[in-house]
């Protein structure tokens, strides 16, 4: 694949001053960020800001995850080679590429058709094979049979929705951001081998809301 092993100054600055500085200490993730050319996943108008820690605009009012949040998400899920990963909200395809480079079998869902098409093109341009990009709404598959070892929800949930746990295999991990406005919390939910559940609060952040997410009564979006 055509990832660029050259540690360009801007890429190295992103790794050391943004990602690592935000407590992403996994050497494999840091090296992945050094190898993967993020500019392949940024709209042309914003390529000069490809390595800035800002939420770059995408089509349909969406935004790329900032590098520091993407790094914390990857660290939280700790994906291993051969694991099945579901990403909910493909966006530009950058996080999909990260999972693929970790050796995962990646399925990624994008509700906006233009973003799904662009993500496929971005992944191809970066030489990342084997990512299954689907134009789909996750809420149409929650009752289905598919199960995954790791699930990343890249849009925020105004209130936590336990139905996402139904997508996990035993010992599976779920990353979600819950809340609204300036009160959003990233969480990791882990299911044990016998189905026991552990929930951890990770950090505070802000993300675009997931389309069709359940909202509390009286919630105004």
N, C-alpha and C. Protein backbone atom coordinates (compact mmCIF):
# COMPACT_ATOMS: atom_id res chain seq x y z
N UNK A 1 0.84 -1.19 0.00
CA UNK A 1 0.00 0.00 0.00
C UNK A 1 0.88 1.24 0.00
N UNK A 2 0.32 2.35 -0.45
CA UNK A 2 1.15 3.52 -0.71
C UNK A 2 1.21 4.49 0.46
N UNK A 3 1.22 3.98 1.70
CA UNK A 3 1.45 4.88 2.82
C UNK A 3 2.86 5.41 2.72
N UNK A 4 3.04 6.62 3.17
CA UNK A 4 4.32 7.30 3.02
C UNK A 4 5.12 7.15 4.30
N UNK A 5 6.23 6.39 4.29
CA UNK A 5 6.99 6.21 5.51
C UNK A 5 7.77 7.44 5.95
N UNK A 6 7.88 8.43 5.06
CA UNK A 6 8.65 9.62 5.41
C UNK A 6 7.97 10.40 6.52
N UNK A 7 8.74 10.72 7.55
CA UNK A 7 8.21 11.49 8.67
C UNK A 7 8.36 12.97 8.33
N UNK A 8 7.39 13.52 7.61
CA UNK A 8 7.46 14.92 7.22
C UNK A 8 7.38 15.79 8.47
N UNK A 9 7.94 17.01 8.42
CA UNK A 9 7.90 17.87 9.61
C UNK A 9 6.49 18.13 10.13
N UNK A 10 5.54 18.39 9.23
CA UNK A 10 4.18 18.68 9.69
C UNK A 10 3.54 17.45 10.32
N UNK A 11 3.82 16.28 9.74
CA UNK A 11 3.26 15.05 10.30
C UNK A 11 3.89 14.74 11.66
N UNK A 12 5.19 14.93 11.77
CA UNK A 12 5.87 14.69 13.04
C UNK A 12 5.38 15.66 14.11
N UNK A 13 5.15 16.91 13.72
CA UNK A 13 4.63 17.89 14.67
C UNK A 13 3.23 17.48 15.16
N UNK A 14 2.40 16.99 14.25
CA UNK A 14 1.07 16.50 14.65
C UNK A 14 1.20 15.39 15.69
N UNK A 15 2.12 14.45 15.43
CA UNK A 15 2.28 13.31 16.33
C UNK A 15 2.76 13.76 17.70
N UNK A 16 3.79 14.61 17.74
CA UNK A 16 4.42 14.95 19.02
C UNK A 16 3.67 16.03 19.79
N UNK A 17 3.16 17.03 19.08
CA UNK A 17 2.56 18.19 19.77
C UNK A 17 1.06 18.08 19.95
N UNK A 18 0.40 17.18 19.19
CA UNK A 18 -1.05 17.05 19.32
C UNK A 18 -1.44 15.67 19.86
N UNK A 19 -1.05 14.63 19.14
CA UNK A 19 -1.53 13.29 19.47
C UNK A 19 -0.86 12.78 20.75
N UNK A 20 0.46 12.76 20.77
CA UNK A 20 1.16 12.26 21.95
C UNK A 20 0.93 13.17 23.15
N UNK A 21 0.84 14.47 22.90
CA UNK A 21 0.61 15.41 24.00
C UNK A 21 -0.76 15.23 24.65
N UNK A 22 -1.66 14.54 23.95
CA UNK A 22 -2.99 14.30 24.50
C UNK A 22 -3.10 12.86 25.01
N UNK A 23 -1.98 12.36 25.54
CA UNK A 23 -1.92 11.08 26.23
C UNK A 23 -2.13 9.86 25.33
N UNK A 24 -1.83 9.99 24.06
CA UNK A 24 -1.77 8.81 23.19
C UNK A 24 -0.33 8.33 23.24
N UNK A 25 -0.09 7.27 23.99
CA UNK A 25 1.27 6.82 24.28
C UNK A 25 1.60 5.49 23.62
N UNK A 26 0.65 4.93 22.90
CA UNK A 26 0.87 3.67 22.20
C UNK A 26 1.78 3.90 21.00
N UNK A 27 2.96 3.27 21.02
CA UNK A 27 3.93 3.51 19.95
C UNK A 27 3.41 3.09 18.59
N UNK A 28 2.61 2.01 18.55
CA UNK A 28 2.07 1.56 17.27
C UNK A 28 1.14 2.59 16.65
N UNK A 29 0.31 3.24 17.46
CA UNK A 29 -0.59 4.27 16.95
C UNK A 29 0.19 5.49 16.51
N UNK A 30 1.18 5.88 17.27
CA UNK A 30 1.99 7.05 16.89
C UNK A 30 2.71 6.79 15.57
N UNK A 31 3.24 5.59 15.39
CA UNK A 31 3.92 5.27 14.14
C UNK A 31 2.93 5.21 12.98
N UNK A 32 1.73 4.72 13.24
CA UNK A 32 0.69 4.69 12.21
C UNK A 32 0.39 6.11 11.73
N UNK A 33 0.27 7.06 12.66
CA UNK A 33 0.01 8.45 12.28
C UNK A 33 1.19 9.05 11.50
N UNK A 34 2.38 8.56 11.79
CA UNK A 34 3.53 9.04 11.02
C UNK A 34 3.51 8.50 9.59
N UNK A 35 3.02 7.28 9.42
CA UNK A 35 3.06 6.62 8.10
C UNK A 35 1.93 7.06 7.18
N UNK A 36 0.76 7.32 7.74
CA UNK A 36 -0.44 7.52 6.92
C UNK A 36 -0.56 8.98 6.48
N UNK A 37 -0.56 9.25 5.18
CA UNK A 37 -0.65 10.63 4.69
C UNK A 37 -2.07 11.18 4.85
N UNK A 38 -2.30 11.94 5.89
CA UNK A 38 -3.65 12.44 6.20
C UNK A 38 -4.18 13.35 5.09
N UNK A 39 -3.28 13.96 4.32
CA UNK A 39 -3.73 14.86 3.26
C UNK A 39 -4.57 14.14 2.21
N UNK A 40 -4.41 12.82 2.08
CA UNK A 40 -5.25 12.06 1.13
C UNK A 40 -6.72 12.04 1.54
N UNK A 41 -7.00 12.39 2.81
CA UNK A 41 -8.36 12.28 3.34
C UNK A 41 -9.00 13.65 3.61
N UNK A 42 -8.30 14.70 3.27
CA UNK A 42 -8.76 16.06 3.54
C UNK A 42 -9.28 16.68 2.24
N UNK A 43 -10.43 17.37 2.27
CA UNK A 43 -10.89 18.05 1.05
C UNK A 43 -9.82 19.00 0.51
N UNK A 44 -9.71 19.10 -0.81
CA UNK A 44 -8.63 19.92 -1.41
C UNK A 44 -8.51 21.31 -0.84
N UNK A 45 -9.62 21.95 -0.53
CA UNK A 45 -9.58 23.33 -0.03
C UNK A 45 -8.92 23.44 1.33
N UNK A 46 -8.79 22.31 2.04
CA UNK A 46 -8.25 22.36 3.41
C UNK A 46 -6.96 21.57 3.56
N UNK A 47 -6.33 21.20 2.45
CA UNK A 47 -5.15 20.34 2.56
C UNK A 47 -3.98 21.02 3.28
N UNK A 48 -3.92 22.34 3.24
CA UNK A 48 -2.86 23.03 3.98
C UNK A 48 -3.01 22.85 5.49
N UNK A 49 -4.21 22.48 5.91
CA UNK A 49 -4.48 22.29 7.34
C UNK A 49 -4.62 20.82 7.71
N UNK A 50 -4.12 19.94 6.84
CA UNK A 50 -4.32 18.50 7.05
C UNK A 50 -3.77 18.01 8.39
N UNK A 51 -2.74 18.64 8.91
CA UNK A 51 -2.11 18.18 10.14
C UNK A 51 -2.39 19.09 11.33
N UNK A 52 -3.37 19.97 11.17
CA UNK A 52 -3.79 20.83 12.28
C UNK A 52 -4.80 20.08 13.14
N UNK A 53 -4.82 20.39 14.43
CA UNK A 53 -5.74 19.71 15.35
C UNK A 53 -7.06 20.48 15.41
N UNK A 54 -7.71 20.56 14.25
CA UNK A 54 -8.99 21.26 14.13
C UNK A 54 -9.95 20.36 13.36
N UNK A 55 -11.27 20.48 13.60
CA UNK A 55 -12.26 19.65 12.90
C UNK A 55 -12.53 20.17 11.49
N UNK A 56 -11.85 19.63 10.51
CA UNK A 56 -11.94 20.13 9.14
C UNK A 56 -13.29 19.77 8.52
N UNK A 57 -13.92 20.72 7.79
CA UNK A 57 -15.25 20.48 7.22
C UNK A 57 -15.23 19.44 6.10
N UNK A 58 -16.29 18.63 6.10
CA UNK A 58 -16.56 17.68 5.03
C UNK A 58 -17.92 18.02 4.42
N UNK A 59 -18.36 17.24 3.46
CA UNK A 59 -19.67 17.45 2.84
C UNK A 59 -20.78 17.20 3.85
N UNK A 60 -21.96 17.72 3.53
CA UNK A 60 -23.18 17.48 4.30
C UNK A 60 -23.07 17.91 5.76
N UNK A 61 -22.29 18.95 6.01
CA UNK A 61 -22.20 19.51 7.35
C UNK A 61 -21.42 18.69 8.35
N UNK A 62 -20.66 17.71 7.88
CA UNK A 62 -19.87 16.85 8.77
C UNK A 62 -18.44 17.37 8.90
N UNK A 63 -17.69 16.79 9.84
CA UNK A 63 -16.31 17.21 10.08
C UNK A 63 -15.43 15.99 10.34
N UNK A 64 -14.16 16.10 9.98
CA UNK A 64 -13.18 15.07 10.34
C UNK A 64 -12.92 15.11 11.84
N UNK A 65 -12.70 13.94 12.43
CA UNK A 65 -12.19 13.90 13.79
C UNK A 65 -10.83 14.58 13.84
N UNK A 66 -10.59 15.37 14.87
CA UNK A 66 -9.26 15.96 15.01
C UNK A 66 -8.26 14.85 15.33
N UNK A 67 -6.99 14.99 14.96
CA UNK A 67 -6.02 13.91 15.18
C UNK A 67 -5.93 13.43 16.62
N UNK A 68 -6.00 14.34 17.58
CA UNK A 68 -5.87 13.93 18.97
C UNK A 68 -7.02 13.03 19.40
N UNK A 69 -8.24 13.33 18.98
CA UNK A 69 -9.39 12.49 19.33
C UNK A 69 -9.30 11.15 18.60
N UNK A 70 -8.91 11.17 17.32
CA UNK A 70 -8.74 9.93 16.58
C UNK A 70 -7.71 9.03 17.28
N UNK A 71 -6.63 9.62 17.76
CA UNK A 71 -5.62 8.84 18.46
C UNK A 71 -6.13 8.24 19.75
N UNK A 72 -6.88 9.01 20.53
CA UNK A 72 -7.43 8.49 21.78
C UNK A 72 -8.45 7.38 21.51
N UNK A 73 -9.24 7.53 20.46
CA UNK A 73 -10.20 6.49 20.08
C UNK A 73 -9.48 5.19 19.74
N UNK A 74 -8.44 5.29 18.91
CA UNK A 74 -7.69 4.09 18.53
C UNK A 74 -7.05 3.44 19.74
N UNK A 75 -6.53 4.24 20.65
CA UNK A 75 -5.89 3.70 21.85
C UNK A 75 -6.92 3.01 22.74
N UNK A 76 -8.11 3.59 22.83
CA UNK A 76 -9.16 3.01 23.68
C UNK A 76 -9.64 1.66 23.15
N UNK A 77 -9.75 1.52 21.84
CA UNK A 77 -10.27 0.28 21.27
C UNK A 77 -9.20 -0.81 21.16
N UNK A 78 -7.92 -0.41 21.07
CA UNK A 78 -6.82 -1.37 21.10
C UNK A 78 -7.05 -2.54 20.14
N UNK A 79 -7.29 -2.21 18.88
CA UNK A 79 -7.62 -3.22 17.87
C UNK A 79 -6.41 -4.09 17.55
N UNK A 80 -6.66 -5.38 17.45
CA UNK A 80 -5.61 -6.35 17.16
C UNK A 80 -5.79 -6.91 15.75
N UNK A 81 -4.69 -7.37 15.10
CA UNK A 81 -4.80 -7.93 13.76
C UNK A 81 -5.83 -9.06 13.70
N UNK A 82 -6.65 -9.02 12.65
CA UNK A 82 -7.66 -10.04 12.44
C UNK A 82 -8.99 -9.77 13.09
N UNK A 83 -9.07 -8.78 13.97
CA UNK A 83 -10.34 -8.47 14.61
C UNK A 83 -11.30 -7.80 13.63
N UNK A 84 -12.60 -7.98 13.88
CA UNK A 84 -13.63 -7.33 13.09
C UNK A 84 -14.00 -6.00 13.74
N UNK A 85 -13.94 -4.94 12.95
CA UNK A 85 -14.21 -3.59 13.45
C UNK A 85 -15.37 -2.99 12.67
N UNK A 86 -16.29 -2.36 13.38
CA UNK A 86 -17.37 -1.59 12.77
C UNK A 86 -17.16 -0.13 13.12
N UNK A 87 -17.09 0.70 12.10
CA UNK A 87 -17.03 2.15 12.29
C UNK A 87 -18.37 2.72 11.86
N UNK A 88 -18.97 3.53 12.72
CA UNK A 88 -20.27 4.14 12.44
C UNK A 88 -20.02 5.63 12.18
N UNK A 89 -20.07 6.01 10.91
CA UNK A 89 -19.73 7.37 10.49
C UNK A 89 -18.36 7.38 9.84
N UNK A 90 -18.32 7.07 8.54
CA UNK A 90 -17.04 6.94 7.83
C UNK A 90 -16.34 8.26 7.68
N UNK A 91 -17.11 9.32 7.41
CA UNK A 91 -16.49 10.62 7.17
C UNK A 91 -15.56 10.58 5.98
N UNK A 92 -14.32 10.98 6.19
CA UNK A 92 -13.34 11.03 5.12
C UNK A 92 -12.70 9.68 4.83
N UNK A 93 -12.82 8.73 5.75
CA UNK A 93 -12.17 7.44 5.61
C UNK A 93 -10.84 7.33 6.34
N UNK A 94 -10.40 8.40 7.00
CA UNK A 94 -9.10 8.37 7.66
C UNK A 94 -9.06 7.33 8.78
N UNK A 95 -10.08 7.32 9.63
CA UNK A 95 -10.08 6.36 10.73
C UNK A 95 -10.22 4.94 10.20
N UNK A 96 -11.00 4.76 9.13
CA UNK A 96 -11.11 3.44 8.49
C UNK A 96 -9.74 2.95 8.07
N UNK A 97 -8.95 3.85 7.48
CA UNK A 97 -7.60 3.50 7.05
C UNK A 97 -6.73 3.10 8.24
N UNK A 98 -6.87 3.81 9.34
CA UNK A 98 -6.09 3.47 10.53
C UNK A 98 -6.42 2.06 11.01
N UNK A 99 -7.70 1.73 11.08
CA UNK A 99 -8.08 0.38 11.50
C UNK A 99 -7.52 -0.68 10.54
N UNK A 100 -7.60 -0.38 9.24
CA UNK A 100 -7.10 -1.34 8.25
C UNK A 100 -5.60 -1.55 8.41
N UNK A 101 -4.86 -0.49 8.67
CA UNK A 101 -3.41 -0.61 8.86
C UNK A 101 -3.06 -1.33 10.16
N UNK A 102 -4.00 -1.38 11.09
CA UNK A 102 -3.80 -2.18 12.30
C UNK A 102 -4.06 -3.66 12.06
N UNK A 103 -4.48 -3.99 10.85
CA UNK A 103 -4.72 -5.38 10.50
C UNK A 103 -6.14 -5.85 10.74
N UNK A 104 -7.07 -4.91 10.96
CA UNK A 104 -8.46 -5.27 11.23
C UNK A 104 -9.22 -5.54 9.93
N UNK A 105 -10.33 -6.26 10.08
CA UNK A 105 -11.30 -6.43 9.00
C UNK A 105 -12.37 -5.37 9.22
N UNK A 106 -12.38 -4.34 8.37
CA UNK A 106 -13.12 -3.11 8.65
C UNK A 106 -14.40 -3.02 7.83
N UNK A 107 -15.51 -2.82 8.53
CA UNK A 107 -16.77 -2.42 7.91
C UNK A 107 -17.09 -1.03 8.42
N UNK A 108 -17.38 -0.11 7.51
CA UNK A 108 -17.67 1.25 7.93
C UNK A 108 -18.95 1.73 7.27
N UNK A 109 -19.83 2.35 8.07
CA UNK A 109 -21.14 2.79 7.61
C UNK A 109 -21.16 4.30 7.51
N UNK A 110 -21.69 4.80 6.40
CA UNK A 110 -21.83 6.25 6.20
C UNK A 110 -23.23 6.53 5.65
N UNK A 111 -23.99 7.34 6.38
CA UNK A 111 -25.37 7.61 5.99
C UNK A 111 -25.47 8.60 4.84
N UNK A 112 -24.42 9.39 4.61
CA UNK A 112 -24.41 10.38 3.54
C UNK A 112 -23.72 9.79 2.32
N UNK A 113 -24.44 9.67 1.21
CA UNK A 113 -23.90 8.98 0.04
C UNK A 113 -22.66 9.67 -0.52
N UNK A 114 -22.64 11.00 -0.52
CA UNK A 114 -21.46 11.71 -1.06
C UNK A 114 -20.22 11.40 -0.24
N UNK A 115 -20.37 11.34 1.07
CA UNK A 115 -19.22 11.02 1.92
C UNK A 115 -18.76 9.59 1.71
N UNK A 116 -19.71 8.67 1.56
CA UNK A 116 -19.32 7.27 1.31
C UNK A 116 -18.52 7.15 0.02
N UNK A 117 -18.97 7.81 -1.03
CA UNK A 117 -18.26 7.78 -2.31
C UNK A 117 -16.87 8.39 -2.18
N UNK A 118 -16.79 9.54 -1.48
CA UNK A 118 -15.50 10.21 -1.34
C UNK A 118 -14.55 9.38 -0.48
N UNK A 119 -15.07 8.73 0.55
CA UNK A 119 -14.21 7.90 1.40
C UNK A 119 -13.62 6.75 0.60
N UNK A 120 -14.42 6.14 -0.26
CA UNK A 120 -13.88 5.06 -1.12
C UNK A 120 -12.74 5.60 -1.98
N UNK A 121 -12.95 6.78 -2.55
CA UNK A 121 -11.91 7.37 -3.39
C UNK A 121 -10.67 7.70 -2.57
N UNK A 122 -10.86 8.23 -1.36
CA UNK A 122 -9.72 8.58 -0.51
C UNK A 122 -8.92 7.34 -0.13
N UNK A 123 -9.61 6.27 0.23
CA UNK A 123 -8.92 5.04 0.61
C UNK A 123 -8.15 4.47 -0.57
N UNK A 124 -8.73 4.55 -1.76
CA UNK A 124 -8.03 4.06 -2.95
C UNK A 124 -6.80 4.90 -3.22
N UNK A 125 -6.93 6.23 -3.09
CA UNK A 125 -5.79 7.12 -3.34
C UNK A 125 -4.65 6.87 -2.37
N UNK A 126 -5.00 6.48 -1.13
CA UNK A 126 -3.97 6.21 -0.13
C UNK A 126 -3.46 4.77 -0.20
N UNK A 127 -4.02 3.96 -1.12
CA UNK A 127 -3.56 2.59 -1.28
C UNK A 127 -3.99 1.67 -0.15
N UNK A 128 -5.17 1.92 0.44
CA UNK A 128 -5.67 1.11 1.55
C UNK A 128 -6.72 0.15 1.01
N UNK A 129 -6.43 -1.13 0.92
CA UNK A 129 -7.41 -2.10 0.39
C UNK A 129 -8.26 -2.69 1.50
N UNK A 130 -9.34 -3.34 1.08
CA UNK A 130 -10.06 -4.23 1.97
C UNK A 130 -11.02 -3.59 2.95
N UNK A 131 -11.30 -2.28 2.84
CA UNK A 131 -12.27 -1.64 3.72
C UNK A 131 -13.64 -1.69 3.06
N UNK A 132 -14.62 -2.23 3.76
CA UNK A 132 -15.98 -2.34 3.25
C UNK A 132 -16.75 -1.08 3.62
N UNK A 133 -16.86 -0.13 2.69
CA UNK A 133 -17.57 1.13 2.92
C UNK A 133 -19.01 0.95 2.46
N UNK A 134 -19.95 1.11 3.38
CA UNK A 134 -21.36 0.93 3.06
C UNK A 134 -22.13 2.23 3.25
N UNK A 135 -22.95 2.57 2.27
CA UNK A 135 -23.88 3.69 2.43
C UNK A 135 -25.07 3.14 3.20
N UNK A 136 -25.12 3.38 4.51
CA UNK A 136 -26.13 2.73 5.35
C UNK A 136 -26.30 3.50 6.65
N UNK A 137 -27.45 3.26 7.29
CA UNK A 137 -27.78 3.81 8.60
C UNK A 137 -27.64 2.69 9.62
N UNK A 138 -26.83 2.88 10.64
CA UNK A 138 -26.60 1.83 11.62
C UNK A 138 -27.89 1.37 12.29
N UNK A 139 -28.88 2.26 12.40
CA UNK A 139 -30.09 1.88 13.11
C UNK A 139 -30.92 0.85 12.35
N UNK A 140 -30.56 0.63 11.08
CA UNK A 140 -31.24 -0.41 10.31
C UNK A 140 -30.61 -1.78 10.52
N UNK A 141 -29.48 -1.86 11.22
CA UNK A 141 -28.79 -3.14 11.39
C UNK A 141 -28.65 -3.54 12.86
N UNK A 142 -29.19 -2.75 13.78
CA UNK A 142 -28.99 -3.06 15.19
C UNK A 142 -29.59 -4.40 15.59
N UNK A 143 -30.66 -4.80 14.92
CA UNK A 143 -31.30 -6.09 15.26
C UNK A 143 -30.76 -7.24 14.42
N UNK A 144 -29.76 -6.98 13.60
CA UNK A 144 -29.22 -8.00 12.72
C UNK A 144 -28.24 -8.92 13.42
N UNK A 145 -27.70 -9.89 12.68
CA UNK A 145 -26.84 -10.90 13.29
C UNK A 145 -25.36 -10.51 13.40
N UNK A 146 -24.93 -9.46 12.71
CA UNK A 146 -23.50 -9.14 12.69
C UNK A 146 -23.00 -8.74 14.08
N UNK A 147 -21.81 -9.24 14.43
CA UNK A 147 -21.16 -8.88 15.69
C UNK A 147 -19.69 -8.54 15.40
N UNK A 148 -19.14 -7.65 16.22
CA UNK A 148 -17.81 -7.13 15.97
C UNK A 148 -17.00 -7.13 17.26
N UNK A 149 -15.67 -7.13 17.09
CA UNK A 149 -14.78 -7.09 18.25
C UNK A 149 -14.59 -5.66 18.77
N UNK A 150 -14.77 -4.69 17.89
CA UNK A 150 -14.66 -3.29 18.29
C UNK A 150 -15.63 -2.47 17.45
N UNK A 151 -16.29 -1.53 18.09
CA UNK A 151 -17.23 -0.62 17.43
C UNK A 151 -16.87 0.80 17.79
N UNK A 152 -16.69 1.64 16.77
CA UNK A 152 -16.37 3.06 16.97
C UNK A 152 -17.53 3.90 16.44
N UNK A 153 -18.16 4.65 17.32
CA UNK A 153 -19.23 5.56 16.92
C UNK A 153 -18.61 6.96 16.83
N UNK A 154 -18.51 7.49 15.62
CA UNK A 154 -17.78 8.75 15.43
C UNK A 154 -18.69 9.98 15.44
N UNK A 155 -19.99 9.78 15.69
CA UNK A 155 -20.90 10.89 15.95
C UNK A 155 -21.39 10.80 17.38
N UNK A 156 -21.69 11.92 17.99
CA UNK A 156 -22.10 11.92 19.39
C UNK A 156 -23.54 11.46 19.55
N UNK A 157 -23.83 10.88 20.72
CA UNK A 157 -25.18 10.46 21.09
C UNK A 157 -25.68 11.41 22.18
N UNK A 158 -26.78 12.14 21.95
CA UNK A 158 -27.29 13.02 23.00
C UNK A 158 -27.58 12.30 24.31
N UNK A 159 -28.03 11.04 24.21
CA UNK A 159 -28.12 10.18 25.39
C UNK A 159 -27.59 8.80 25.01
N UNK A 160 -27.06 8.09 26.00
CA UNK A 160 -26.48 6.79 25.70
C UNK A 160 -27.55 5.83 25.21
N UNK A 161 -27.21 5.04 24.21
CA UNK A 161 -28.12 4.07 23.60
C UNK A 161 -27.51 2.69 23.75
N UNK A 162 -28.04 1.90 24.68
CA UNK A 162 -27.49 0.58 24.98
C UNK A 162 -27.61 -0.39 23.82
N UNK A 163 -28.41 -0.07 22.82
CA UNK A 163 -28.56 -0.99 21.68
C UNK A 163 -27.26 -1.20 20.93
N UNK A 164 -26.33 -0.24 21.01
CA UNK A 164 -25.05 -0.40 20.32
C UNK A 164 -24.25 -1.57 20.90
N UNK A 165 -24.50 -1.92 22.15
CA UNK A 165 -23.79 -3.05 22.75
C UNK A 165 -24.18 -4.37 22.09
N UNK A 166 -25.36 -4.40 21.44
CA UNK A 166 -25.79 -5.63 20.76
C UNK A 166 -24.92 -5.95 19.56
N UNK A 167 -24.07 -5.01 19.13
CA UNK A 167 -23.18 -5.23 18.00
C UNK A 167 -21.86 -5.89 18.40
N UNK A 168 -21.65 -6.08 19.70
CA UNK A 168 -20.35 -6.55 20.18
C UNK A 168 -20.31 -8.06 20.38
N UNK A 169 -19.16 -8.63 20.04
CA UNK A 169 -18.82 -9.98 20.45
C UNK A 169 -18.47 -9.99 21.93
N UNK A 170 -18.46 -11.16 22.58
CA UNK A 170 -17.88 -11.23 23.92
C UNK A 170 -16.45 -10.69 23.90
N UNK A 171 -16.11 -9.91 24.92
CA UNK A 171 -14.83 -9.22 25.04
C UNK A 171 -14.70 -8.09 24.02
N UNK A 172 -15.81 -7.68 23.42
CA UNK A 172 -15.79 -6.56 22.48
C UNK A 172 -15.75 -5.22 23.19
N UNK A 173 -15.30 -4.19 22.46
CA UNK A 173 -15.16 -2.84 23.00
C UNK A 173 -15.95 -1.86 22.13
N UNK A 174 -16.63 -0.93 22.79
CA UNK A 174 -17.43 0.09 22.13
C UNK A 174 -16.92 1.46 22.56
N UNK A 175 -16.65 2.33 21.57
CA UNK A 175 -16.28 3.73 21.84
C UNK A 175 -17.45 4.60 21.44
N UNK A 176 -17.92 5.43 22.38
CA UNK A 176 -19.00 6.37 22.10
C UNK A 176 -18.70 7.70 22.77
N UNK A 177 -19.29 8.76 22.23
CA UNK A 177 -19.27 10.08 22.87
C UNK A 177 -20.71 10.45 23.17
N UNK A 178 -20.99 10.75 24.44
CA UNK A 178 -22.35 10.96 24.90
C UNK A 178 -22.50 12.37 25.45
N UNK A 179 -23.62 13.02 25.08
CA UNK A 179 -23.92 14.35 25.60
C UNK A 179 -24.24 15.32 24.48
N UNK A 180 -24.34 16.58 24.85
CA UNK A 180 -24.69 17.62 23.89
C UNK A 180 -24.02 18.93 24.29
N UNK A 181 -23.88 19.82 23.31
CA UNK A 181 -23.30 21.13 23.60
C UNK A 181 -21.87 21.01 24.09
N UNK A 182 -21.59 21.63 25.23
CA UNK A 182 -20.23 21.61 25.79
C UNK A 182 -20.07 20.52 26.86
N UNK A 183 -21.03 19.61 26.94
CA UNK A 183 -20.97 18.57 27.97
C UNK A 183 -21.01 17.20 27.31
N UNK A 184 -19.96 16.87 26.59
CA UNK A 184 -19.85 15.56 25.94
C UNK A 184 -18.70 14.77 26.55
N UNK A 185 -18.95 13.49 26.75
CA UNK A 185 -17.98 12.61 27.41
C UNK A 185 -17.71 11.39 26.54
N UNK A 186 -16.46 11.11 26.26
CA UNK A 186 -16.08 9.88 25.56
C UNK A 186 -16.05 8.73 26.56
N UNK A 187 -16.64 7.60 26.13
CA UNK A 187 -16.71 6.43 27.01
C UNK A 187 -16.27 5.17 26.26
N UNK A 188 -15.75 4.22 27.00
CA UNK A 188 -15.47 2.89 26.47
C UNK A 188 -16.30 1.89 27.26
N UNK A 189 -17.07 1.09 26.55
CA UNK A 189 -17.85 0.01 27.16
C UNK A 189 -17.24 -1.30 26.69
N UNK A 190 -16.94 -2.18 27.63
CA UNK A 190 -16.33 -3.47 27.33
C UNK A 190 -17.23 -4.58 27.85
N UNK A 191 -17.47 -5.58 27.01
CA UNK A 191 -18.23 -6.76 27.43
C UNK A 191 -17.25 -7.88 27.75
N UNK A 192 -17.45 -8.53 28.87
CA UNK A 192 -16.59 -9.65 29.25
C UNK A 192 -16.96 -10.91 28.50
N UNK A 193 -16.19 -11.96 28.73
CA UNK A 193 -16.41 -13.23 28.04
C UNK A 193 -17.78 -13.81 28.33
N UNK A 194 -18.31 -13.54 29.51
CA UNK A 194 -19.63 -14.04 29.90
C UNK A 194 -20.71 -12.98 29.76
N UNK A 195 -20.37 -11.87 29.09
CA UNK A 195 -21.35 -10.82 28.87
C UNK A 195 -21.38 -9.73 29.93
N UNK A 196 -20.52 -9.85 30.96
CA UNK A 196 -20.49 -8.80 31.97
C UNK A 196 -20.00 -7.49 31.34
N UNK A 197 -20.42 -6.38 31.91
CA UNK A 197 -20.25 -5.08 31.28
C UNK A 197 -19.39 -4.16 32.15
N UNK A 198 -18.46 -3.47 31.50
CA UNK A 198 -17.64 -2.47 32.20
C UNK A 198 -17.69 -1.17 31.40
N UNK A 199 -17.92 -0.06 32.08
CA UNK A 199 -17.97 1.25 31.41
C UNK A 199 -16.93 2.18 32.03
N UNK A 200 -16.18 2.87 31.15
CA UNK A 200 -15.14 3.79 31.61
C UNK A 200 -15.33 5.16 30.97
N UNK A 201 -15.17 6.20 31.76
CA UNK A 201 -15.13 7.56 31.24
C UNK A 201 -13.70 7.87 30.81
N UNK A 202 -13.54 8.37 29.58
CA UNK A 202 -12.20 8.56 29.02
C UNK A 202 -11.76 10.02 29.01
N UNK A 203 -12.56 10.88 28.39
CA UNK A 203 -12.18 12.29 28.29
C UNK A 203 -13.39 13.09 27.81
N UNK A 204 -13.28 14.41 27.88
CA UNK A 204 -14.32 15.29 27.37
C UNK A 204 -13.94 15.77 25.98
N UNK A 205 -14.94 15.89 25.11
CA UNK A 205 -14.69 16.34 23.74
C UNK A 205 -15.99 16.85 23.16
N UNK A 206 -16.00 17.15 21.86
CA UNK A 206 -17.21 17.56 21.17
C UNK A 206 -17.22 17.01 19.76
N UNK A 207 -18.33 16.37 19.37
CA UNK A 207 -18.46 15.79 18.03
C UNK A 207 -19.80 16.17 17.43
N UNK A 208 -19.88 16.13 16.08
CA UNK A 208 -21.17 16.25 15.42
C UNK A 208 -22.10 15.13 15.91
N UNK A 209 -23.38 15.44 16.05
CA UNK A 209 -24.34 14.43 16.50
C UNK A 209 -24.55 13.37 15.43
N UNK A 210 -24.72 12.13 15.85
CA UNK A 210 -25.01 11.03 14.94
C UNK A 210 -26.43 11.18 14.42
N UNK A 211 -26.59 11.10 13.10
CA UNK A 211 -27.93 11.17 12.51
C UNK A 211 -28.83 10.08 13.07
N UNK A 212 -30.05 10.47 13.41
CA UNK A 212 -31.11 9.57 13.88
C UNK A 212 -30.84 9.03 15.27
N UNK A 213 -29.90 9.61 16.00
CA UNK A 213 -29.63 9.15 17.36
C UNK A 213 -30.81 9.48 18.27
N UNK A 214 -31.02 8.62 19.25
CA UNK A 214 -32.06 8.84 20.25
C UNK A 214 -31.75 10.08 21.07
N UNK A 215 -32.76 10.89 21.31
CA UNK A 215 -32.57 12.13 22.06
C UNK A 215 -33.48 12.17 23.28
N UNK A 216 -33.01 12.78 24.37
CA UNK A 216 -33.87 12.89 25.57
C UNK A 216 -35.12 13.71 25.26
N UNK A 217 -36.17 13.49 26.03
CA UNK A 217 -37.39 14.27 25.89
C UNK A 217 -37.06 15.75 26.11
N UNK A 218 -37.57 16.60 25.21
CA UNK A 218 -37.31 18.03 25.33
C UNK A 218 -36.00 18.49 24.74
N UNK A 219 -35.24 17.53 24.14
CA UNK A 219 -33.94 17.88 23.55
C UNK A 219 -34.16 18.75 22.32
N UNK A 220 -33.42 19.83 22.19
CA UNK A 220 -33.48 20.72 21.03
C UNK A 220 -32.15 20.64 20.32
N UNK A 221 -32.18 20.29 19.00
CA UNK A 221 -30.95 20.13 18.22
C UNK A 221 -30.82 21.29 17.26
